[in-house]
Amino acid sequence: MVEEREILSLVISLAVLVFAIANHRGLSEIPRHQLLFASFAALVAAWVLSVLEGFFLEDTLNLMQHILSAGSAIVLLVWCCLVLCPGRTRARS
């Protein structure tokens, strides 16, 4: 069963995705913007799967949704580390 909040989250995220693509030139000034965009794209894909799982392949799509959500968080963490702590990205020996 599809919940209203899942549909609303998907609609809002797709609107933001369209905005991000339309304003790619301005957003490309953000340091390492490719990682930030990849994180958001994975989150949007997770929300798409969240809606689709209400119609078919519930368990499989639910697993994929959670993997994409975790991947999005990991990529966002990497982006934060690279942008906010540039001197600490190398391992210390």
PDB file of N, CA and C in Angstrom:
ATOM      1  N   MET A   1       0.832  -1.180   0.000  1.00  0.00           N
ATOM      2  CA  MET A   1       0.000   0.000   0.000  1.00  0.00           C
ATOM      3  C   MET A   1       0.881   1.249   0.000  1.00  0.00           C
ATOM      4  N   VAL A   2       0.574   2.180  -0.861  1.00  0.00           N
ATOM      5  CA  VAL A   2       1.337   3.410  -0.976  1.00  0.00           C
ATOM      6  C   VAL A   2       0.769   4.439   0.003  1.00  0.00           C
ATOM      7  N   GLU A   3       1.667   5.056   0.755  1.00  0.00           N
ATOM      8  CA  GLU A   3       1.247   6.079   1.707  1.00  0.00           C
ATOM      9  C   GLU A   3       1.345   7.457   1.069  1.00  0.00           C
ATOM     10  N   GLU A   4       0.497   8.369   1.537  1.00  0.00           N
ATOM     11  CA  GLU A   4       0.470   9.723   0.977  1.00  0.00           C
ATOM     12  C   GLU A   4       1.797  10.438   1.147  1.00  0.00           C
ATOM     13  N   ARG A   5       2.431  10.257   2.303  1.00  0.00           N
ATOM     14  CA  ARG A   5       3.714  10.944   2.554  1.00  0.00           C
ATOM     15  C   ARG A   5       4.795  10.486   1.582  1.00  0.00           C
ATOM     16  N   GLU A   6       4.741   9.223   1.163  1.00  0.00           N
ATOM     17  CA  GLU A   6       5.717   8.724   0.198  1.00  0.00           C
ATOM     18  C   GLU A   6       5.523   9.390  -1.158  1.00  0.00           C
ATOM     19  N   ILE A   7       4.283   9.545  -1.563  1.00  0.00           N
ATOM     20  CA  ILE A   7       3.998  10.209  -2.842  1.00  0.00           C
ATOM     21  C   ILE A   7       4.394  11.676  -2.767  1.00  0.00           C
ATOM     22  N   LEU A   8       4.068  12.331  -1.657  1.00  0.00           N
ATOM     23  CA  LEU A   8       4.421  13.743  -1.489  1.00  0.00           C
ATOM     24  C   LEU A   8       5.937  13.930  -1.493  1.00  0.00           C
ATOM     25  N   SER A   9       6.663  13.054  -0.803  1.00  0.00           N
ATOM     26  CA  SER A   9       8.128  13.132  -0.796  1.00  0.00           C
ATOM     27  C   SER A   9       8.689  12.961  -2.203  1.00  0.00           C
ATOM     28  N   LEU A  10       8.116  12.032  -2.953  1.00  0.00           N
ATOM     29  CA  LEU A  10       8.573  11.804  -4.319  1.00  0.00           C
ATOM     30  C   LEU A  10       8.307  13.015  -5.206  1.00  0.00           C
ATOM     31  N   VAL A  11       7.117  13.589  -5.111  1.00  0.00           N
ATOM     32  CA  VAL A  11       6.774  14.754  -5.938  1.00  0.00           C
ATOM     33  C   VAL A  11       7.703  15.930  -5.620  1.00  0.00           C
ATOM     34  N   ILE A  12       7.919  16.183  -4.345  1.00  0.00           N
ATOM     35  CA  ILE A  12       8.802  17.294  -3.955  1.00  0.00           C
ATOM     36  C   ILE A  12      10.229  17.030  -4.414  1.00  0.00           C
ATOM     37  N   SER A  13      10.710  15.799  -4.231  1.00  0.00           N
ATOM     38  CA  SER A  13      12.086  15.504  -4.632  1.00  0.00           C
ATOM     39  C   SER A  13      12.269  15.583  -6.144  1.00  0.00           C
ATOM     40  N   LEU A  14      11.254  15.174  -6.903  1.00  0.00           N
ATOM     41  CA  LEU A  14      11.357  15.294  -8.357  1.00  0.00           C
ATOM     42  C   LEU A  14      11.376  16.757  -8.792  1.00  0.00           C
ATOM     43  N   ALA A  15      10.613  17.599  -8.097  1.00  0.00           N
ATOM     44  CA  ALA A  15      10.637  19.035  -8.396  1.00  0.00           C
ATOM     45  C   ALA A  15      12.020  19.615  -8.098  1.00  0.00           C
ATOM     46  N   VAL A  16      12.607  19.213  -6.984  1.00  0.00           N
ATOM     47  CA  VAL A  16      13.955  19.686  -6.645  1.00  0.00           C
ATOM     48  C   VAL A  16      14.971  19.158  -7.653  1.00  0.00           C
ATOM     49  N   LEU A  17      14.799  17.915  -8.095  1.00  0.00           N
ATOM     50  CA  LEU A  17      15.706  17.348  -9.090  1.00  0.00           C
ATOM     51  C   LEU A  17      15.638  18.122 -10.404  1.00  0.00           C
ATOM     52  N   VAL A  18      14.436  18.471 -10.835  1.00  0.00           N
ATOM     53  CA  VAL A  18      14.277  19.272 -12.051  1.00  0.00           C
ATOM     54  C   VAL A  18      14.953  20.630 -11.871  1.00  0.00           C
ATOM     55  N   PHE A  19      14.770  21.249 -10.709  1.00  0.00           N
ATOM     56  CA  PHE A  19      15.415  22.532 -10.420  1.00  0.00           C
ATOM     57  C   PHE A  19      16.939  22.392 -10.457  1.00  0.00           C
ATOM     58  N   ALA A  20      17.460  21.321  -9.857  1.00  0.00           N
ATOM     59  CA  ALA A  20      18.909  21.114  -9.816  1.00  0.00           C
ATOM     60  C   ALA A  20      19.476  20.911 -11.223  1.00  0.00           C
ATOM     61  N   ILE A  21      18.769  20.170 -12.045  1.00  0.00           N
ATOM     62  CA  ILE A  21      19.240  19.947 -13.416  1.00  0.00           C
ATOM     63  C   ILE A  21      19.176  21.248 -14.216  1.00  0.00           C
ATOM     64  N   ALA A  22      18.091  22.008 -14.031  1.00  0.00           N
ATOM     65  CA  ALA A  22      17.940  23.272 -14.758  1.00  0.00           C
ATOM     66  C   ALA A  22      18.985  24.305 -14.336  1.00  0.00           C
ATOM     67  N   ASN A  23      19.425  24.224 -13.100  1.00  0.00           N
ATOM     68  CA  ASN A  23      20.404  25.188 -12.571  1.00  0.00           C
ATOM     69  C   ASN A  23      21.771  24.547 -12.365  1.00  0.00           C
ATOM     70  N   HIS A  24      22.088  23.586 -13.213  1.00  0.00           N
ATOM     71  CA  HIS A  24      23.344  22.849 -13.063  1.00  0.00           C
ATOM     72  C   HIS A  24      24.557  23.778 -13.090  1.00  0.00           C
ATOM     73  N   ARG A  25      24.517  24.769 -13.934  1.00  0.00           N
ATOM     74  CA  ARG A  25      25.672  25.669 -14.067  1.00  0.00           C
ATOM     75  C   ARG A  25      25.965  26.394 -12.752  1.00  0.00           C
ATOM     76  N   GLY A  26      24.939  26.912 -12.117  1.00  0.00           N
ATOM     77  CA  GLY A  26      25.135  27.600 -10.845  1.00  0.00           C
ATOM     78  C   GLY A  26      25.509  26.655  -9.716  1.00  0.00           C
ATOM     79  N   LEU A  27      24.910  25.494  -9.719  1.00  0.00           N
ATOM     80  CA  LEU A  27      25.203  24.521  -8.663  1.00  0.00           C
ATOM     81  C   LEU A  27      26.585  23.899  -8.815  1.00  0.00           C
ATOM     82  N   SER A  28      27.139  23.964 -10.009  1.00  0.00           N
ATOM     83  CA  SER A  28      28.463  23.381 -10.229  1.00  0.00           C
ATOM     84  C   SER A  28      29.560  24.175  -9.529  1.00  0.00           C
ATOM     85  N   GLU A  29      29.225  25.337  -8.996  1.00  0.00           N
ATOM     86  CA  GLU A  29      30.203  26.113  -8.231  1.00  0.00           C
ATOM     87  C   GLU A  29      30.402  25.566  -6.821  1.00  0.00           C
ATOM     88  N   ILE A  30      29.508  24.694  -6.382  1.00  0.00           N
ATOM     89  CA  ILE A  30      29.654  24.052  -5.079  1.00  0.00           C
ATOM     90  C   ILE A  30      30.811  23.068  -5.168  1.00  0.00           C
ATOM     91  N   PRO A  31      31.725  23.098  -4.198  1.00  0.00           N
ATOM     92  CA  PRO A  31      32.861  22.165  -4.250  1.00  0.00           C
ATOM     93  C   PRO A  31      32.393  20.710  -4.304  1.00  0.00           C
ATOM     94  N   ARG A  32      32.996  19.950  -5.199  1.00  0.00           N
ATOM     95  CA  ARG A  32      32.699  18.523  -5.372  1.00  0.00           C
ATOM     96  C   ARG A  32      31.200  18.267  -5.534  1.00  0.00           C
ATOM     97  N   HIS A  33      30.589  19.091  -6.356  1.00  0.00           N
ATOM     98  CA  HIS A  33      29.142  19.023  -6.548  1.00  0.00           C
ATOM     99  C   HIS A  33      28.671  17.680  -7.108  1.00  0.00           C
ATOM    100  N   GLN A  34      29.549  16.956  -7.788  1.00  0.00           N
ATOM    101  CA  GLN A  34      29.151  15.663  -8.339  1.00  0.00           C
ATOM    102  C   GLN A  34      28.752  14.688  -7.229  1.00  0.00           C
ATOM    103  N   LEU A  35      29.498  14.698  -6.131  1.00  0.00           N
ATOM    104  CA  LEU A  35      29.162  13.816  -5.010  1.00  0.00           C
ATOM    105  C   LEU A  35      27.839  14.219  -4.374  1.00  0.00           C
ATOM    106  N   LEU A  36      27.639  15.510  -4.229  1.00  0.00           N
ATOM    107  CA  LEU A  36      26.398  15.999  -3.634  1.00  0.00           C
ATOM    108  C   LEU A  36      25.203  15.624  -4.508  1.00  0.00           C
ATOM    109  N   PHE A  37      25.357  15.767  -5.812  1.00  0.00           N
ATOM    110  CA  PHE A  37      24.278  15.408  -6.732  1.00  0.00           C
ATOM    111  C   PHE A  37      24.035  13.895  -6.725  1.00  0.00           C
ATOM    112  N   ALA A  38      25.108  13.106  -6.665  1.00  0.00           N
ATOM    113  CA  ALA A  38      24.959  11.646  -6.625  1.00  0.00           C
ATOM    114  C   ALA A  38      24.208  11.216  -5.367  1.00  0.00           C
ATOM    115  N   SER A  39      24.493  11.851  -4.257  1.00  0.00           N
ATOM    116  CA  SER A  39      23.794  11.548  -3.012  1.00  0.00           C
ATOM    117  C   SER A  39      22.308  11.849  -3.139  1.00  0.00           C
ATOM    118  N   PHE A  40      21.990  12.998  -3.709  1.00  0.00           N
ATOM    119  CA  PHE A  40      20.583  13.362  -3.873  1.00  0.00           C
ATOM    120  C   PHE A  40      19.885  12.448  -4.881  1.00  0.00           C
ATOM    121  N   ALA A  41      20.565  12.107  -5.950  1.00  0.00           N
ATOM    122  CA  ALA A  41      19.977  11.220  -6.960  1.00  0.00           C
ATOM    123  C   ALA A  41      19.672   9.846  -6.364  1.00  0.00           C
ATOM    124  N   ALA A  42      20.547   9.343  -5.514  1.00  0.00           N
ATOM    125  CA  ALA A  42      20.298   8.058  -4.853  1.00  0.00           C
ATOM    126  C   ALA A  42      19.095   8.159  -3.923  1.00  0.00           C
ATOM    127  N   LEU A  43      18.952   9.290  -3.264  1.00  0.00           N
ATOM    128  CA  LEU A  43      17.806   9.486  -2.378  1.00  0.00           C
ATOM    129  C   LEU A  43      16.503   9.550  -3.178  1.00  0.00           C
ATOM    130  N   VAL A  44      16.524  10.243  -4.312  1.00  0.00           N
ATOM    131  CA  VAL A  44      15.338  10.301  -5.174  1.00  0.00           C
ATOM    132  C   VAL A  44      14.989   8.900  -5.678  1.00  0.00           C
ATOM    133  N   ALA A  45      16.004   8.142  -6.080  1.00  0.00           N
ATOM    134  CA  ALA A  45      15.761   6.773  -6.545  1.00  0.00           C
ATOM    135  C   ALA A  45      15.153   5.923  -5.427  1.00  0.00           C
ATOM    136  N   ALA A  46      15.610   6.131  -4.195  1.00  0.00           N
ATOM    137  CA  ALA A  46      15.051   5.395  -3.054  1.00  0.00           C
ATOM    138  C   ALA A  46      13.577   5.745  -2.868  1.00  0.00           C
ATOM    139  N   TRP A  47      13.226   7.020  -3.042  1.00  0.00           N
ATOM    140  CA  TRP A  47      11.830   7.426  -2.894  1.00  0.00           C
ATOM    141  C   TRP A  47      10.977   6.875  -4.030  1.00  0.00           C
ATOM    142  N   VAL A  48      11.542   6.771  -5.226  1.00  0.00           N
ATOM    143  CA  VAL A  48      10.813   6.149  -6.340  1.00  0.00           C
ATOM    144  C   VAL A  48      10.514   4.691  -5.996  1.00  0.00           C
ATOM    145  N   LEU A  49      11.508   3.987  -5.492  1.00  0.00           N
ATOM    146  CA  LEU A  49      11.305   2.589  -5.118  1.00  0.00           C
ATOM    147  C   LEU A  49      10.309   2.455  -3.974  1.00  0.00           C
ATOM    148  N   SER A  50      10.294   3.435  -3.080  1.00  0.00           N
ATOM    149  CA  SER A  50       9.346   3.417  -1.968  1.00  0.00           C
ATOM    150  C   SER A  50       7.906   3.433  -2.476  1.00  0.00           C
ATOM    151  N   VAL A  51       7.653   4.213  -3.514  1.00  0.00           N
ATOM    152  CA  VAL A  51       6.306   4.262  -4.092  1.00  0.00           C
ATOM    153  C   VAL A  51       6.029   2.984  -4.888  1.00  0.00           C
ATOM    154  N   LEU A  52       6.999   2.535  -5.666  1.00  0.00           N
ATOM    155  CA  LEU A  52       6.793   1.349  -6.502  1.00  0.00           C
ATOM    156  C   LEU A  52       6.570   0.083  -5.683  1.00  0.00           C
ATOM    157  N   GLU A  53       7.174   0.008  -4.512  1.00  0.00           N
ATOM    158  CA  GLU A  53       7.024  -1.203  -3.706  1.00  0.00           C
ATOM    159  C   GLU A  53       5.583  -1.408  -3.239  1.00  0.00           C
ATOM    160  N   GLY A  54       4.779  -0.351  -3.313  1.00  0.00           N
ATOM    161  CA  GLY A  54       3.370  -0.493  -2.981  1.00  0.00           C
ATOM    162  C   GLY A  54       2.582  -1.244  -4.036  1.00  0.00           C
ATOM    163  N   PHE A  55       3.169  -1.429  -5.210  1.00  0.00           N
ATOM    164  CA  PHE A  55       2.470  -2.078  -6.318  1.00  0.00           C
ATOM    165  C   PHE A  55       2.978  -3.482  -6.626  1.00  0.00           C
ATOM    166  N   PHE A  56       4.287  -3.717  -6.504  1.00  0.00           N
ATOM    167  CA  PHE A  56       4.839  -5.030  -6.832  1.00  0.00           C
ATOM    168  C   PHE A  56       6.220  -5.188  -6.209  1.00  0.00           C
ATOM    169  N   LEU A  57       6.674  -6.427  -6.118  1.00  0.00           N
ATOM    170  CA  LEU A  57       8.011  -6.778  -5.597  1.00  0.00           C
ATOM    171  C   LEU A  57       8.336  -6.055  -4.286  1.00  0.00           C
ATOM    172  N   GLU A  58       7.419  -6.114  -3.353  1.00  0.00           N
ATOM    173  CA  GLU A  58       7.537  -5.337  -2.118  1.00  0.00           C
ATOM    174  C   GLU A  58       8.863  -5.571  -1.388  1.00  0.00           C
ATOM    175  N   ASP A  59       9.212  -6.818  -1.145  1.00  0.00           N
ATOM    176  CA  ASP A  59      10.426  -7.103  -0.372  1.00  0.00           C
ATOM    177  C   ASP A  59      11.695  -6.701  -1.107  1.00  0.00           C
ATOM    178  N   THR A  60      11.746  -7.007  -2.392  1.00  0.00           N
ATOM    179  CA  THR A  60      12.938  -6.687  -3.182  1.00  0.00           C
ATOM    180  C   THR A  60      13.138  -5.180  -3.298  1.00  0.00           C
ATOM    181  N   LEU A  61      12.075  -4.465  -3.635  1.00  0.00           N
ATOM    182  CA  LEU A  61      12.183  -3.013  -3.784  1.00  0.00           C
ATOM    183  C   LEU A  61      12.447  -2.340  -2.444  1.00  0.00           C
ATOM    184  N   ASN A  62      11.909  -2.906  -1.359  1.00  0.00           N
ATOM    185  CA  ASN A  62      12.166  -2.346  -0.038  1.00  0.00           C
ATOM    186  C   ASN A  62      13.649  -2.472   0.314  1.00  0.00           C
ATOM    187  N   LEU A  63      14.234  -3.624   0.015  1.00  0.00           N
ATOM    188  CA  LEU A  63      15.666  -3.816   0.260  1.00  0.00           C
ATOM    189  C   LEU A  63      16.488  -2.840  -0.572  1.00  0.00           C
ATOM    190  N   MET A  64      16.148  -2.717  -1.845  1.00  0.00           N
ATOM    191  CA  MET A  64      16.876  -1.792  -2.719  1.00  0.00           C
ATOM    192  C   MET A  64      16.720  -0.349  -2.236  1.00  0.00           C
ATOM    193  N   GLN A  65      15.533  -0.008  -1.759  1.00  0.00           N
ATOM    194  CA  GLN A  65      15.296   1.341  -1.234  1.00  0.00           C
ATOM    195  C   GLN A  65      16.227   1.628  -0.061  1.00  0.00           C
ATOM    196  N   HIS A  66      16.346   0.672   0.850  1.00  0.00           N
ATOM    197  CA  HIS A  66      17.191   0.891   2.016  1.00  0.00           C
ATOM    198  C   HIS A  66      18.674   0.922   1.656  1.00  0.00           C
ATOM    199  N   ILE A  67      19.070   0.141   0.686  1.00  0.00           N
ATOM    200  CA  ILE A  67      20.460   0.183   0.223  1.00  0.00           C
ATOM    201  C   ILE A  67      20.767   1.542  -0.396  1.00  0.00           C
ATOM    202  N   LEU A  68      19.849   2.055  -1.220  1.00  0.00           N
ATOM    203  CA  LEU A  68      20.055   3.371  -1.836  1.00  0.00           C
ATOM    204  C   LEU A  68      20.067   4.475  -0.789  1.00  0.00           C
ATOM    205  N   SER A  69      19.203   4.386   0.211  1.00  0.00           N
ATOM    206  CA  SER A  69      19.175   5.400   1.274  1.00  0.00           C
ATOM    207  C   SER A  69      20.486   5.397   2.051  1.00  0.00           C
ATOM    208  N   ALA A  70      20.975   4.206   2.376  1.00  0.00           N
ATOM    209  CA  ALA A  70      22.257   4.113   3.082  1.00  0.00           C
ATOM    210  C   ALA A  70      23.397   4.625   2.204  1.00  0.00           C
ATOM    211  N   GLY A  71      23.379   4.248   0.928  1.00  0.00           N
ATOM    212  CA  GLY A  71      24.402   4.735   0.003  1.00  0.00           C
ATOM    213  C   GLY A  71      24.387   6.240  -0.122  1.00  0.00           C
ATOM    214  N   SER A  72      23.194   6.817  -0.156  1.00  0.00           N
ATOM    215  CA  SER A  72      23.066   8.275  -0.218  1.00  0.00           C
ATOM    216  C   SER A  72      23.699   8.923   1.009  1.00  0.00           C
ATOM    217  N   ALA A  73      23.440   8.361   2.173  1.00  0.00           N
ATOM    218  CA  ALA A  73      24.004   8.912   3.408  1.00  0.00           C
ATOM    219  C   ALA A  73      25.527   8.784   3.431  1.00  0.00           C
ATOM    220  N   ILE A  74      26.040   7.669   2.937  1.00  0.00           N
ATOM    221  CA  ILE A  74      27.492   7.474   2.920  1.00  0.00           C
ATOM    222  C   ILE A  74      28.154   8.456   1.963  1.00  0.00           C
ATOM    223  N   VAL A  75      27.568   8.636   0.778  1.00  0.00           N
ATOM    224  CA  VAL A  75      28.136   9.593  -0.184  1.00  0.00           C
ATOM    225  C   VAL A  75      28.071  11.011   0.381  1.00  0.00           C
ATOM    226  N   LEU A  76      26.981  11.353   1.060  1.00  0.00           N
ATOM    227  CA  LEU A  76      26.872  12.675   1.684  1.00  0.00           C
ATOM    228  C   LEU A  76      27.930  12.840   2.772  1.00  0.00           C
ATOM    229  N   LEU A  77      28.185  11.796   3.551  1.00  0.00           N
ATOM    230  CA  LEU A  77      29.235  11.851   4.574  1.00  0.00           C
ATOM    231  C   LEU A  77      30.599  12.082   3.937  1.00  0.00           C
ATOM    232  N   VAL A  78      30.876  11.374   2.852  1.00  0.00           N
ATOM    233  CA  VAL A  78      32.148  11.561   2.144  1.00  0.00           C
ATOM    234  C   VAL A  78      32.254  12.991   1.640  1.00  0.00           C
ATOM    235  N   TRP A  79      31.172  13.522   1.063  1.00  0.00           N
ATOM    236  CA  TRP A  79      31.185  14.908   0.575  1.00  0.00           C
ATOM    237  C   TRP A  79      31.473  15.870   1.718  1.00  0.00           C
ATOM    238  N   CYS A  80      30.801  15.682   2.839  1.00  0.00           N
ATOM    239  CA  CYS A  80      31.021  16.560   3.996  1.00  0.00           C
ATOM    240  C   CYS A  80      32.474  16.505   4.465  1.00  0.00           C
ATOM    241  N   CYS A  81      33.033  15.303   4.530  1.00  0.00           N
ATOM    242  CA  CYS A  81      34.424  15.159   4.964  1.00  0.00           C
ATOM    243  C   CYS A  81      35.386  15.838   4.002  1.00  0.00           C
ATOM    244  N   LEU A  82      35.160  15.677   2.721  1.00  0.00           N
ATOM    245  CA  LEU A  82      36.055  16.269   1.719  1.00  0.00           C
ATOM    246  C   LEU A  82      35.947  17.786   1.693  1.00  0.00           C
ATOM    247  N   VAL A  83      34.743  18.311   1.876  1.00  0.00           N
ATOM    248  CA  VAL A  83      34.548  19.752   1.767  1.00  0.00           C
ATOM    249  C   VAL A  83      34.871  20.468   3.081  1.00  0.00           C
ATOM    250  N   LEU A  84      34.452  19.901   4.185  1.00  0.00           N
ATOM    251  CA  LEU A  84      34.599  20.587   5.463  1.00  0.00           C
ATOM    252  C   LEU A  84      35.926  20.316   6.161  1.00  0.00           C
ATOM    253  N   CYS A  85      36.559  19.190   5.856  1.00  0.00           N
ATOM    254  CA  CYS A  85      37.834  18.832   6.490  1.00  0.00           C
ATOM    255  C   CYS A  85      38.861  18.409   5.446  1.00  0.00           C
ATOM    256  N   PRO A  86      39.237  19.312   4.549  1.00  0.00           N
ATOM    257  CA  PRO A  86      40.109  18.903   3.439  1.00  0.00           C
ATOM    258  C   PRO A  86      41.482  18.409   3.877  1.00  0.00           C
ATOM    259  N   GLY A  87      41.995  18.894   5.001  1.00  0.00           N
ATOM    260  CA  GLY A  87      43.323  18.468   5.454  1.00  0.00           C
ATOM    261  C   GLY A  87      43.304  17.124   6.150  1.00  0.00           C
ATOM    262  N   ARG A  88      42.133  16.597   6.468  1.00  0.00           N
ATOM    263  CA  ARG A  88      42.037  15.354   7.221  1.00  0.00           C
ATOM    264  C   ARG A  88      41.610  14.181   6.354  1.00  0.00           C
ATOM    265  N   THR A  89      41.689  14.302   5.038  1.00  0.00           N
ATOM    266  CA  THR A  89      41.228  13.221   4.169  1.00  0.00           C
ATOM    267  C   THR A  89      42.283  12.133   4.001  1.00  0.00           C
ATOM    268  N   ARG A  90      43.528  12.404   4.343  1.00  0.00           N
ATOM    269  CA  ARG A  90      44.578  11.398   4.208  1.00  0.00           C
ATOM    270  C   ARG A  90      44.749  10.640   5.520  1.00  0.00           C
ATOM    271  N   ALA A  91      45.044   9.373   5.408  1.00  0.00           N
ATOM    272  CA  ALA A  91      45.298   8.562   6.607  1.00  0.00           C
ATOM    273  C   ALA A  91      46.609   8.988   7.244  1.00  0.00           C
ATOM    274  N   ARG A  92      46.623   9.017   8.521  1.00  0.00           N
ATOM    275  CA  ARG A  92      47.846   9.400   9.245  1.00  0.00           C
ATOM    276  C   ARG A  92      48.645   8.130   9.544  1.00  0.00           C
ATOM    277  N   SER A  93      49.953   8.256   9.408  1.00  0.00           N
ATOM    278  CA  SER A  93      50.779   7.077   9.699  1.00  0.00           C
ATOM    279  C   SER A  93      51.612   7.264  10.926  1.00  0.00           C
TER     280      SER A  93
END
